Amino acid sequence: MLNPAAFGLLVSVIAFHTEQSWWGAFGDLPAWSALLLFVGGYLVTDRVRKFPQVFAFFGTTSSCSW
């Protein structure tokens, strides 16, 4: 099957000579915007009451990084 997102990345690399990263520009963010991102994520998670799912996700992904 064709993945439209991957195909779009391929076309952008060929057409515009861009470099793509799965992380995007997240590493280039200033500290205040990263803090804003985390506070917004906390507020959304609190609003929809999904903290158990968030903790389960981080618990399983951090233990699999060996």
N, C-alpha and C. Protein backbone atom coordinates (compact mmCIF):
# COMPACT_ATOMS: atom_id res chain seq x y z
N MET A 1 0.84 -1.18 0.00
CA MET A 1 0.00 0.00 0.00
C MET A 1 0.88 1.25 0.00
N LEU A 2 0.34 2.29 -0.52
CA LEU A 2 1.05 3.56 -0.61
C LEU A 2 0.73 4.41 0.62
N ASN A 3 1.77 4.87 1.27
CA ASN A 3 1.60 5.76 2.41
C ASN A 3 1.67 7.20 1.89
N PRO A 4 0.56 7.94 1.93
CA PRO A 4 0.56 9.31 1.38
C PRO A 4 1.56 10.24 2.06
N ALA A 5 1.74 10.11 3.38
CA ALA A 5 2.67 10.99 4.07
C ALA A 5 4.11 10.71 3.63
N ALA A 6 4.47 9.45 3.54
CA ALA A 6 5.82 9.10 3.10
C ALA A 6 6.04 9.51 1.64
N PHE A 7 5.02 9.36 0.82
CA PHE A 7 5.12 9.77 -0.57
C PHE A 7 5.31 11.29 -0.67
N GLY A 8 4.60 12.05 0.17
CA GLY A 8 4.75 13.50 0.19
C GLY A 8 6.16 13.91 0.60
N LEU A 9 6.74 13.20 1.59
CA LEU A 9 8.12 13.49 1.97
C LEU A 9 9.08 13.20 0.83
N LEU A 10 8.86 12.10 0.14
CA LEU A 10 9.71 11.76 -0.99
C LEU A 10 9.64 12.81 -2.09
N VAL A 11 8.42 13.25 -2.41
CA VAL A 11 8.24 14.27 -3.45
C VAL A 11 8.89 15.59 -3.04
N SER A 12 8.75 15.96 -1.75
CA SER A 12 9.35 17.23 -1.31
C SER A 12 10.87 17.18 -1.36
N VAL A 13 11.45 16.02 -1.06
CA VAL A 13 12.91 15.89 -1.14
C VAL A 13 13.37 16.02 -2.58
N ILE A 14 12.66 15.37 -3.49
CA ILE A 14 13.05 15.41 -4.89
C ILE A 14 12.78 16.80 -5.51
N ALA A 15 11.60 17.35 -5.24
CA ALA A 15 11.21 18.60 -5.89
C ALA A 15 11.90 19.83 -5.30
N PHE A 16 12.07 19.86 -4.00
CA PHE A 16 12.57 21.08 -3.35
C PHE A 16 13.95 20.92 -2.74
N HIS A 17 14.56 19.74 -2.87
CA HIS A 17 15.89 19.47 -2.31
C HIS A 17 15.94 19.78 -0.83
N THR A 18 14.92 19.34 -0.10
CA THR A 18 14.86 19.56 1.34
C THR A 18 15.37 18.34 2.07
N GLU A 19 15.78 18.55 3.30
CA GLU A 19 16.15 17.44 4.17
C GLU A 19 15.03 17.27 5.18
N GLN A 20 14.64 16.04 5.42
CA GLN A 20 13.54 15.76 6.32
C GLN A 20 14.04 15.03 7.54
N SER A 21 13.41 15.29 8.66
CA SER A 21 13.71 14.61 9.90
C SER A 21 12.40 14.23 10.56
N TRP A 22 12.36 13.07 11.17
CA TRP A 22 11.13 12.65 11.85
C TRP A 22 10.85 13.54 13.04
N TRP A 23 11.85 14.18 13.60
CA TRP A 23 11.66 15.03 14.76
C TRP A 23 11.32 16.46 14.35
N GLY A 24 11.45 16.79 13.10
CA GLY A 24 11.14 18.14 12.66
C GLY A 24 12.07 19.14 13.30
N ALA A 25 11.55 20.27 13.68
CA ALA A 25 12.36 21.32 14.28
C ALA A 25 12.17 21.38 15.78
N PHE A 26 11.71 20.29 16.39
CA PHE A 26 11.45 20.29 17.83
C PHE A 26 12.71 20.58 18.62
N GLY A 27 13.86 20.09 18.16
CA GLY A 27 15.11 20.35 18.87
C GLY A 27 15.57 21.79 18.78
N ASP A 28 15.04 22.55 17.85
CA ASP A 28 15.43 23.95 17.69
C ASP A 28 14.53 24.91 18.45
N LEU A 29 13.54 24.39 19.16
CA LEU A 29 12.62 25.26 19.89
C LEU A 29 13.32 25.94 21.06
N PRO A 30 12.99 27.20 21.32
CA PRO A 30 13.52 27.83 22.53
C PRO A 30 12.84 27.22 23.76
N ALA A 31 13.46 27.41 24.91
CA ALA A 31 12.96 26.79 26.15
C ALA A 31 11.54 27.23 26.48
N TRP A 32 11.21 28.49 26.24
CA TRP A 32 9.88 28.97 26.62
C TRP A 32 8.79 28.30 25.79
N SER A 33 9.06 28.01 24.53
CA SER A 33 8.03 27.38 23.71
C SER A 33 7.89 25.89 24.05
N ALA A 34 9.00 25.24 24.44
CA ALA A 34 8.90 23.85 24.89
C ALA A 34 8.10 23.78 26.19
N LEU A 35 8.31 24.76 27.08
CA LEU A 35 7.54 24.82 28.31
C LEU A 35 6.06 25.03 28.00
N LEU A 36 5.77 25.90 27.06
CA LEU A 36 4.39 26.13 26.64
C LEU A 36 3.77 24.86 26.07
N LEU A 37 4.54 24.09 25.32
CA LEU A 37 4.06 22.84 24.76
C LEU A 37 3.72 21.84 25.86
N PHE A 38 4.59 21.71 26.86
CA PHE A 38 4.34 20.77 27.94
C PHE A 38 3.16 21.19 28.82
N VAL A 39 3.04 22.48 29.09
CA VAL A 39 1.90 22.97 29.87
C VAL A 39 0.59 22.73 29.10
N GLY A 40 0.60 23.00 27.81
CA GLY A 40 -0.60 22.73 27.00
C GLY A 40 -0.95 21.26 26.97
N GLY A 41 0.06 20.40 26.87
CA GLY A 41 -0.19 18.96 26.90
C GLY A 41 -0.76 18.51 28.23
N TYR A 42 -0.26 19.09 29.32
CA TYR A 42 -0.80 18.78 30.64
C TYR A 42 -2.26 19.21 30.76
N LEU A 43 -2.56 20.41 30.29
CA LEU A 43 -3.94 20.90 30.40
C LEU A 43 -4.91 20.05 29.58
N VAL A 44 -4.51 19.66 28.38
CA VAL A 44 -5.38 18.82 27.54
C VAL A 44 -5.56 17.45 28.18
N THR A 45 -4.47 16.87 28.69
CA THR A 45 -4.57 15.55 29.32
C THR A 45 -5.44 15.61 30.56
N ASP A 46 -5.33 16.68 31.33
CA ASP A 46 -6.17 16.84 32.51
C ASP A 46 -7.64 17.02 32.12
N ARG A 47 -7.88 17.76 31.08
CA ARG A 47 -9.25 18.04 30.65
C ARG A 47 -9.98 16.77 30.17
N VAL A 48 -9.27 15.91 29.44
CA VAL A 48 -9.91 14.69 28.94
C VAL A 48 -9.71 13.51 29.88
N ARG A 49 -9.03 13.73 31.00
CA ARG A 49 -8.81 12.73 32.05
C ARG A 49 -8.16 11.46 31.51
N LYS A 50 -7.02 11.63 30.87
CA LYS A 50 -6.32 10.50 30.26
C LYS A 50 -4.93 10.28 30.86
N PHE A 51 -4.71 10.68 32.11
CA PHE A 51 -3.40 10.49 32.71
C PHE A 51 -2.98 9.02 32.80
N PRO A 52 -3.89 8.07 33.09
CA PRO A 52 -3.45 6.67 33.10
C PRO A 52 -2.88 6.21 31.75
N GLN A 53 -3.47 6.65 30.65
CA GLN A 53 -2.95 6.28 29.34
C GLN A 53 -1.59 6.92 29.08
N VAL A 54 -1.42 8.16 29.51
CA VAL A 54 -0.14 8.85 29.33
C VAL A 54 0.95 8.14 30.12
N PHE A 55 0.65 7.79 31.37
CA PHE A 55 1.65 7.10 32.20
C PHE A 55 1.96 5.72 31.64
N ALA A 56 0.95 5.02 31.13
CA ALA A 56 1.19 3.70 30.53
C ALA A 56 2.05 3.83 29.28
N PHE A 57 1.81 4.84 28.47
CA PHE A 57 2.61 5.05 27.27
C PHE A 57 4.06 5.32 27.62
N PHE A 58 4.30 6.27 28.53
CA PHE A 58 5.68 6.60 28.89
C PHE A 58 6.35 5.45 29.64
N GLY A 59 5.59 4.70 30.41
CA GLY A 59 6.16 3.55 31.11
C GLY A 59 6.61 2.45 30.18
N THR A 60 5.86 2.22 29.12
CA THR A 60 6.24 1.15 28.20
C THR A 60 7.30 1.61 27.21
N THR A 61 7.26 2.85 26.77
CA THR A 61 8.26 3.29 25.80
C THR A 61 9.62 3.51 26.43
N SER A 62 9.65 3.98 27.67
CA SER A 62 10.95 4.22 28.29
C SER A 62 11.62 2.90 28.69
N SER A 63 10.84 1.85 28.97
CA SER A 63 11.45 0.57 29.34
C SER A 63 11.92 -0.21 28.13
N CYS A 64 11.47 0.15 26.95
CA CYS A 64 11.87 -0.58 25.74
C CYS A 64 13.06 0.03 25.03
N SER A 65 13.69 1.02 25.59
CA SER A 65 14.78 1.70 24.90
C SER A 65 16.14 1.09 25.19
N TRP A 66 16.22 -0.12 25.63
CA TRP A 66 17.50 -0.76 25.88
C TRP A 66 17.92 -1.42 24.65
